[in-house]
């Protein structure tokens, strides 16, 4: 498994290509704005899916450009399916200085907690991790978890946006992400990668809830 990370758009959203060098297939996780660099890197692969951790505009602003290029189906939690086509829900209408209203067509597939996907030669475990947004998902592939805006290096996602819930996010982190092995690599929606073990030790939002 080869993981390629791209910081896209004005909010430097981490978007990922998960590539299988044997099958020449790949997955894309999140669809940030101005995805030209990501699309260039995806060129040698057949992209089998675009997985969205959630539908805030900085994670879906480049979706139609990506979809038109790679022709791959999109996966999202049903709680945020409507957000793709609604600029008020995905937040883009509130930030005209960043790019204005952004919308995309509905996702082809909806995901739920503990769904298991077999795509591009990988097994993907779907984990519901709401709190930052009501339909936030994390994706576990081998010993790597792609946590969206739930868990960051030494921090957690904000919960002051519509649909956010701090207590729900802490529960998601404690009951789902912190149950993963310490050596699990965490690839967040913003900022540098980390591990579950490091966050147990050094993340001030996590260490206090670990008994």
C-alpha atoms as a PDB file:
ATOM      1  CA  UNK A   1       0.000   0.000   0.000  1.00  0.00           C
ATOM      2  CA  UNK A   2       1.367   3.389  -1.034  1.00  0.00           C
ATOM      3  CA  UNK A   3      -0.136   6.485   0.600  1.00  0.00           C
ATOM      4  CA  UNK A   4       0.178   9.802  -1.227  1.00  0.00           C
ATOM      5  CA  UNK A   5      -0.872  12.911   0.706  1.00  0.00           C
ATOM      6  CA  UNK A   6      -1.919  16.238  -0.818  1.00  0.00           C
ATOM      7  CA  UNK A   7      -2.747  19.498   0.973  1.00  0.00           C
ATOM      8  CA  UNK A   8      -5.462  21.009  -1.175  1.00  0.00           C
ATOM      9  CA  UNK A   9      -7.228  24.351  -1.207  1.00  0.00           C
ATOM     10  CA  UNK A  10      -6.930  27.398   1.042  1.00  0.00           C
ATOM     11  CA  UNK A  11      -7.570  25.329   4.182  1.00  0.00           C
ATOM     12  CA  UNK A  12      -4.790  22.876   3.293  1.00  0.00           C
ATOM     13  CA  UNK A  13      -7.098  19.880   3.510  1.00  0.00           C
ATOM     14  CA  UNK A  14      -5.321  16.545   3.530  1.00  0.00           C
ATOM     15  CA  UNK A  15      -6.568  14.366   0.687  1.00  0.00           C
ATOM     16  CA  UNK A  16      -5.149  10.953  -0.026  1.00  0.00           C
ATOM     17  CA  UNK A  17      -4.467   8.522  -2.812  1.00  0.00           C
ATOM     18  CA  UNK A  18      -4.171   4.964  -1.539  1.00  0.00           C
ATOM     19  CA  UNK A  19      -2.418   3.114  -4.338  1.00  0.00           C
ATOM     20  CA  UNK A  20      -1.977  -0.585  -4.990  1.00  0.00           C
ATOM     21  CA  UNK A  21       1.208  -0.990  -7.011  1.00  0.00           C
ATOM     22  CA  UNK A  22       0.359  -4.607  -7.837  1.00  0.00           C
ATOM     23  CA  UNK A  23      -3.115  -4.056  -9.289  1.00  0.00           C
ATOM     24  CA  UNK A  24      -2.475  -0.478 -10.492  1.00  0.00           C
ATOM     25  CA  UNK A  25      -5.691   0.507  -8.735  1.00  0.00           C
ATOM     26  CA  UNK A  26      -6.269   3.210  -6.153  1.00  0.00           C
ATOM     27  CA  UNK A  27      -8.680   4.879  -3.778  1.00  0.00           C
ATOM     28  CA  UNK A  28      -9.095   8.603  -3.158  1.00  0.00           C
ATOM     29  CA  UNK A  29     -10.020   9.770   0.333  1.00  0.00           C
ATOM     30  CA  UNK A  30     -11.612  13.230   0.395  1.00  0.00           C
ATOM     31  CA  UNK A  31     -11.941  15.668  -2.466  1.00  0.00           C
ATOM     32  CA  UNK A  32     -10.428  19.009  -1.572  1.00  0.00           C
ATOM     33  CA  UNK A  33     -10.533  22.150  -3.649  1.00  0.00           C
ATOM     34  CA  UNK A  34      -8.168  22.628  -6.609  1.00  0.00           C
ATOM     35  CA  UNK A  35      -7.305  18.927  -6.924  1.00  0.00           C
ATOM     36  CA  UNK A  36      -5.092  19.180 -10.015  1.00  0.00           C
ATOM     37  CA  UNK A  37      -1.999  17.869  -8.233  1.00  0.00           C
ATOM     38  CA  UNK A  38      -3.923  14.902  -6.864  1.00  0.00           C
ATOM     39  CA  UNK A  39      -5.404  14.096 -10.270  1.00  0.00           C
ATOM     40  CA  UNK A  40      -1.983  14.188 -11.905  1.00  0.00           C
ATOM     41  CA  UNK A  41      -0.712  11.680  -9.340  1.00  0.00           C
ATOM     42  CA  UNK A  42      -3.763   9.463  -9.824  1.00  0.00           C
ATOM     43  CA  UNK A  43      -3.158   9.257 -13.554  1.00  0.00           C
ATOM     44  CA  UNK A  44      -1.271   5.930 -13.609  1.00  0.00           C
ATOM     45  CA  UNK A  45      -3.998   4.178 -11.594  1.00  0.00           C
ATOM     46  CA  UNK A  46      -7.567   3.042 -12.077  1.00  0.00           C
ATOM     47  CA  UNK A  47      -9.401   4.802  -9.259  1.00  0.00           C
ATOM     48  CA  UNK A  48     -12.044   2.474  -7.854  1.00  0.00           C
ATOM     49  CA  UNK A  49     -13.728   4.831  -5.352  1.00  0.00           C
ATOM     50  CA  UNK A  50     -13.769   8.273  -3.784  1.00  0.00           C
ATOM     51  CA  UNK A  51     -14.396   7.937  -0.040  1.00  0.00           C
ATOM     52  CA  UNK A  52     -15.559  11.047   1.819  1.00  0.00           C
ATOM     53  CA  UNK A  53     -14.868  11.353   5.533  1.00  0.00           C
ATOM     54  CA  UNK A  54     -17.499  14.093   5.648  1.00  0.00           C
ATOM     55  CA  UNK A  55     -19.085  16.751   3.457  1.00  0.00           C
ATOM     56  CA  UNK A  56     -17.722  20.078   4.655  1.00  0.00           C
ATOM     57  CA  UNK A  57     -16.796  22.145   1.632  1.00  0.00           C
ATOM     58  CA  UNK A  58     -13.045  21.831   2.092  1.00  0.00           C
ATOM     59  CA  UNK A  59     -13.383  18.046   1.842  1.00  0.00           C
ATOM     60  CA  UNK A  60     -15.793  17.972  -1.132  1.00  0.00           C
ATOM     61  CA  UNK A  61     -15.076  21.203  -3.041  1.00  0.00           C
ATOM     62  CA  UNK A  62     -13.120  19.365  -5.746  1.00  0.00           C
ATOM     63  CA  UNK A  63     -15.467  16.394  -5.981  1.00  0.00           C
ATOM     64  CA  UNK A  64     -16.999  17.084  -9.376  1.00  0.00           C
ATOM     65  CA  UNK A  65     -13.608  17.799 -10.914  1.00  0.00           C
ATOM     66  CA  UNK A  66     -12.267  14.529  -9.502  1.00  0.00           C
ATOM     67  CA  UNK A  67     -15.380  12.567 -10.423  1.00  0.00           C
ATOM     68  CA  UNK A  68     -15.334  13.825 -14.008  1.00  0.00           C
ATOM     69  CA  UNK A  69     -11.695  12.835 -14.386  1.00  0.00           C
ATOM     70  CA  UNK A  70     -11.537   9.419 -12.716  1.00  0.00           C
ATOM     71  CA  UNK A  71     -15.142   8.248 -13.287  1.00  0.00           C
ATOM     72  CA  UNK A  72     -15.227   6.507  -9.901  1.00  0.00           C
ATOM     73  CA  UNK A  73     -18.225   6.127  -7.557  1.00  0.00           C
ATOM     74  CA  UNK A  74     -18.439   8.259  -4.434  1.00  0.00           C
ATOM     75  CA  UNK A  75     -19.159   6.959  -0.926  1.00  0.00           C
ATOM     76  CA  UNK A  76     -20.536   9.004   1.987  1.00  0.00           C
ATOM     77  CA  UNK A  77     -22.543   8.628   5.198  1.00  0.00           C
ATOM     78  CA  UNK A  78     -26.300   9.124   4.619  1.00  0.00           C
ATOM     79  CA  UNK A  79     -26.448  11.894   7.219  1.00  0.00           C
ATOM     80  CA  UNK A  80     -24.448  14.096   4.849  1.00  0.00           C
ATOM     81  CA  UNK A  81     -25.657  12.938   1.458  1.00  0.00           C
ATOM     82  CA  UNK A  82     -27.825  16.069   1.199  1.00  0.00           C
ATOM     83  CA  UNK A  83     -24.872  18.286   2.098  1.00  0.00           C
ATOM     84  CA  UNK A  84     -23.177  17.640  -1.227  1.00  0.00           C
ATOM     85  CA  UNK A  85     -25.863  19.538  -3.109  1.00  0.00           C
ATOM     86  CA  UNK A  86     -26.554  22.212  -0.490  1.00  0.00           C
ATOM     87  CA  UNK A  87     -24.043  25.013  -0.034  1.00  0.00           C
ATOM     88  CA  UNK A  88     -25.632  26.080   3.245  1.00  0.00           C
ATOM     89  CA  UNK A  89     -25.226  22.617   4.750  1.00  0.00           C
ATOM     90  CA  UNK A  90     -21.667  22.020   3.511  1.00  0.00           C
ATOM     91  CA  UNK A  91     -20.692  25.487   4.708  1.00  0.00           C
ATOM     92  CA  UNK A  92     -19.386  26.941   1.472  1.00  0.00           C
ATOM     93  CA  UNK A  93     -22.052  29.647   1.301  1.00  0.00           C
ATOM     94  CA  UNK A  94     -20.729  31.100   4.567  1.00  0.00           C
ATOM     95  CA  UNK A  95     -17.231  31.587   3.203  1.00  0.00           C
ATOM     96  CA  UNK A  96     -17.531  33.665   0.004  1.00  0.00           C
ATOM     97  CA  UNK A  97     -13.932  34.829   0.341  1.00  0.00           C
ATOM     98  CA  UNK A  98     -12.751  31.208  -0.036  1.00  0.00           C
ATOM     99  CA  UNK A  99     -14.682  30.260  -3.134  1.00  0.00           C
ATOM    100  CA  UNK A 100     -18.391  30.783  -2.693  1.00  0.00           C
ATOM    101  CA  UNK A 101     -21.134  28.220  -3.002  1.00  0.00           C
ATOM    102  CA  UNK A 102     -19.932  24.699  -3.869  1.00  0.00           C
ATOM    103  CA  UNK A 103     -22.146  21.764  -4.742  1.00  0.00           C
ATOM    104  CA  UNK A 104     -21.777  18.271  -6.150  1.00  0.00           C
ATOM    105  CA  UNK A 105     -24.035  15.500  -7.389  1.00  0.00           C
ATOM    106  CA  UNK A 106     -25.190  12.886  -4.852  1.00  0.00           C
ATOM    107  CA  UNK A 107     -22.850  10.081  -3.888  1.00  0.00           C
ATOM    108  CA  UNK A 108     -23.528   6.732  -5.507  1.00  0.00           C
ATOM    109  CA  UNK A 109     -23.148   4.786  -2.270  1.00  0.00           C
ATOM    110  CA  UNK A 110     -23.953   5.371   1.407  1.00  0.00           C
ATOM    111  CA  UNK A 111     -21.884   3.908   4.232  1.00  0.00           C
ATOM    112  CA  UNK A 112     -22.688   2.842   7.777  1.00  0.00           C
ATOM    113  CA  UNK A 113     -20.738   1.822  10.850  1.00  0.00           C
ATOM    114  CA  UNK A 114     -18.806  -1.436  10.465  1.00  0.00           C
ATOM    115  CA  UNK A 115     -19.417  -1.717   6.733  1.00  0.00           C
ATOM    116  CA  UNK A 116     -16.544  -3.534   5.058  1.00  0.00           C
ATOM    117  CA  UNK A 117     -15.538  -2.671   1.494  1.00  0.00           C
ATOM    118  CA  UNK A 118     -13.269  -4.638  -0.798  1.00  0.00           C
ATOM    119  CA  UNK A 119     -11.850  -2.152  -3.284  1.00  0.00           C
ATOM    120  CA  UNK A 120      -8.591  -1.794  -5.214  1.00  0.00           C
ATOM    121  CA  UNK A 121      -7.251  -4.905  -3.527  1.00  0.00           C
ATOM    122  CA  UNK A 122      -7.776  -3.409  -0.053  1.00  0.00           C
ATOM    123  CA  UNK A 123     -10.162  -4.224   2.775  1.00  0.00           C
ATOM    124  CA  UNK A 124     -11.660  -1.011   4.158  1.00  0.00           C
ATOM    125  CA  UNK A 125     -13.432  -0.991   7.532  1.00  0.00           C
ATOM    126  CA  UNK A 126     -15.883   1.873   7.911  1.00  0.00           C
ATOM    127  CA  UNK A 127     -16.146   3.524  11.319  1.00  0.00           C
ATOM    128  CA  UNK A 128     -18.768   6.117  12.231  1.00  0.00           C
ATOM    129  CA  UNK A 129     -16.977   8.876  14.160  1.00  0.00           C
ATOM    130  CA  UNK A 130     -19.513  11.727  14.410  1.00  0.00           C
ATOM    131  CA  UNK A 131     -19.069  14.869  16.433  1.00  0.00           C
ATOM    132  CA  UNK A 132     -17.211  17.196  14.119  1.00  0.00           C
ATOM    133  CA  UNK A 133     -20.168  16.658  11.815  1.00  0.00           C
ATOM    134  CA  UNK A 134     -23.130  14.256  12.107  1.00  0.00           C
ATOM    135  CA  UNK A 135     -21.960  11.941   9.328  1.00  0.00           C
ATOM    136  CA  UNK A 136     -18.234  11.884   9.915  1.00  0.00           C
ATOM    137  CA  UNK A 137     -16.523   8.615   8.988  1.00  0.00           C
ATOM    138  CA  UNK A 138     -13.070   7.168   9.541  1.00  0.00           C
ATOM    139  CA  UNK A 139     -11.624   4.503   7.273  1.00  0.00           C
ATOM    140  CA  UNK A 140      -9.324   1.751   8.542  1.00  0.00           C
ATOM    141  CA  UNK A 141      -7.109   0.178   5.871  1.00  0.00           C
ATOM    142  CA  UNK A 142      -4.568  -2.328   7.172  1.00  0.00           C
ATOM    143  CA  UNK A 143      -2.833  -0.515  10.064  1.00  0.00           C
ATOM    144  CA  UNK A 144      -3.728   2.967   8.863  1.00  0.00           C
ATOM    145  CA  UNK A 145      -6.802   4.983   9.853  1.00  0.00           C
ATOM    146  CA  UNK A 146      -7.957   8.013   7.882  1.00  0.00           C
ATOM    147  CA  UNK A 147      -9.755  10.040  10.518  1.00  0.00           C
ATOM    148  CA  UNK A 148     -11.049  13.082   8.633  1.00  0.00           C
ATOM    149  CA  UNK A 149     -11.603  15.946  11.050  1.00  0.00           C
ATOM    150  CA  UNK A 150     -12.306  13.737  14.079  1.00  0.00           C
ATOM    151  CA  UNK A 151      -8.766  13.277  15.382  1.00  0.00           C
ATOM    152  CA  UNK A 152      -5.693  15.384  14.638  1.00  0.00           C
ATOM    153  CA  UNK A 153      -2.084  15.303  15.757  1.00  0.00           C
ATOM    154  CA  UNK A 154      -2.356  16.648  19.349  1.00  0.00           C
ATOM    155  CA  UNK A 155      -5.849  17.981  18.708  1.00  0.00           C
ATOM    156  CA  UNK A 156      -9.401  17.137  17.631  1.00  0.00           C
ATOM    157  CA  UNK A 157     -11.906  18.533  15.156  1.00  0.00           C
ATOM    158  CA  UNK A 158     -13.862  21.663  15.919  1.00  0.00           C
ATOM    159  CA  UNK A 159     -17.455  21.202  17.051  1.00  0.00           C
ATOM    160  CA  UNK A 160     -18.779  24.759  16.808  1.00  0.00           C
ATOM    161  CA  UNK A 161     -20.089  24.351  13.255  1.00  0.00           C
ATOM    162  CA  UNK A 162     -23.727  23.383  12.548  1.00  0.00           C
ATOM    163  CA  UNK A 163     -24.245  19.741  13.461  1.00  0.00           C
ATOM    164  CA  UNK A 164     -21.142  19.591  15.635  1.00  0.00           C
ATOM    165  CA  UNK A 165     -21.277  18.015  19.082  1.00  0.00           C
ATOM    166  CA  UNK A 166     -18.303  17.964  21.435  1.00  0.00           C
ATOM    167  CA  UNK A 167     -19.526  15.156  23.681  1.00  0.00           C
ATOM    168  CA  UNK A 168     -20.329  13.012  20.654  1.00  0.00           C
ATOM    169  CA  UNK A 169     -16.874  13.616  19.195  1.00  0.00           C
ATOM    170  CA  UNK A 170     -15.132  12.658  22.440  1.00  0.00           C
ATOM    171  CA  UNK A 171     -17.232   9.476  22.552  1.00  0.00           C
ATOM    172  CA  UNK A 172     -16.295   8.672  18.950  1.00  0.00           C
ATOM    173  CA  UNK A 173     -12.612   9.111  19.695  1.00  0.00           C
ATOM    174  CA  UNK A 174     -12.732   7.112  22.927  1.00  0.00           C
ATOM    175  CA  UNK A 175     -14.997   4.272  21.779  1.00  0.00           C
ATOM    176  CA  UNK A 176     -13.758   3.871  18.229  1.00  0.00           C
ATOM    177  CA  UNK A 177     -10.371   5.369  17.446  1.00  0.00           C
ATOM    178  CA  UNK A 178      -8.681   4.762  20.784  1.00  0.00           C
ATOM    179  CA  UNK A 179      -9.706   1.104  20.587  1.00  0.00           C
ATOM    180  CA  UNK A 180      -7.327   0.639  17.656  1.00  0.00           C
ATOM    181  CA  UNK A 181      -3.825  -0.710  18.310  1.00  0.00           C
ATOM    182  CA  UNK A 182      -1.298   1.882  19.477  1.00  0.00           C
ATOM    183  CA  UNK A 183       0.830   1.353  16.372  1.00  0.00           C
ATOM    184  CA  UNK A 184      -2.022   2.321  14.051  1.00  0.00           C
ATOM    185  CA  UNK A 185      -1.017   5.301  11.899  1.00  0.00           C
ATOM    186  CA  UNK A 186      -3.490   8.187  11.919  1.00  0.00           C
ATOM    187  CA  UNK A 187      -3.869  10.225   8.742  1.00  0.00           C
ATOM    188  CA  UNK A 188      -6.032  13.250   9.621  1.00  0.00           C
ATOM    189  CA  UNK A 189      -7.957  15.736   7.524  1.00  0.00           C
ATOM    190  CA  UNK A 190      -5.502  18.516   8.386  1.00  0.00           C
ATOM    191  CA  UNK A 191      -1.968  18.601   9.710  1.00  0.00           C
ATOM    192  CA  UNK A 192       0.696  15.925  10.125  1.00  0.00           C
ATOM    193  CA  UNK A 193       0.181  12.212  10.608  1.00  0.00           C
ATOM    194  CA  UNK A 194       0.465  10.603  14.024  1.00  0.00           C
ATOM    195  CA  UNK A 195      -0.297   7.288  15.733  1.00  0.00           C
ATOM    196  CA  UNK A 196      -2.974   6.133  18.150  1.00  0.00           C
ATOM    197  CA  UNK A 197      -0.299   5.515  20.796  1.00  0.00           C
ATOM    198  CA  UNK A 198       1.119   9.018  20.465  1.00  0.00           C
ATOM    199  CA  UNK A 199      -2.317  10.574  20.802  1.00  0.00           C
ATOM    200  CA  UNK A 200      -3.051   8.559  23.948  1.00  0.00           C
ATOM    201  CA  UNK A 201       0.091  10.021  25.478  1.00  0.00           C
ATOM    202  CA  UNK A 202       0.250  13.561  24.160  1.00  0.00           C
ATOM    203  CA  UNK A 203      -3.159  14.710  22.932  1.00  0.00           C
ATOM    204  CA  UNK A 204      -4.694  16.837  25.728  1.00  0.00           C
ATOM    205  CA  UNK A 205      -8.218  16.041  24.520  1.00  0.00           C
ATOM    206  CA  UNK A 206      -7.537  12.309  24.585  1.00  0.00           C
ATOM    207  CA  UNK A 207      -5.291  11.690  27.580  1.00  0.00           C
ATOM    208  CA  UNK A 208      -7.942  12.947  29.960  1.00  0.00           C
ATOM    209  CA  UNK A 209     -10.540  10.429  28.765  1.00  0.00           C
ATOM    210  CA  UNK A 210      -8.275   7.389  28.805  1.00  0.00           C
ATOM    211  CA  UNK A 211      -8.706   5.355  31.967  1.00  0.00           C
END
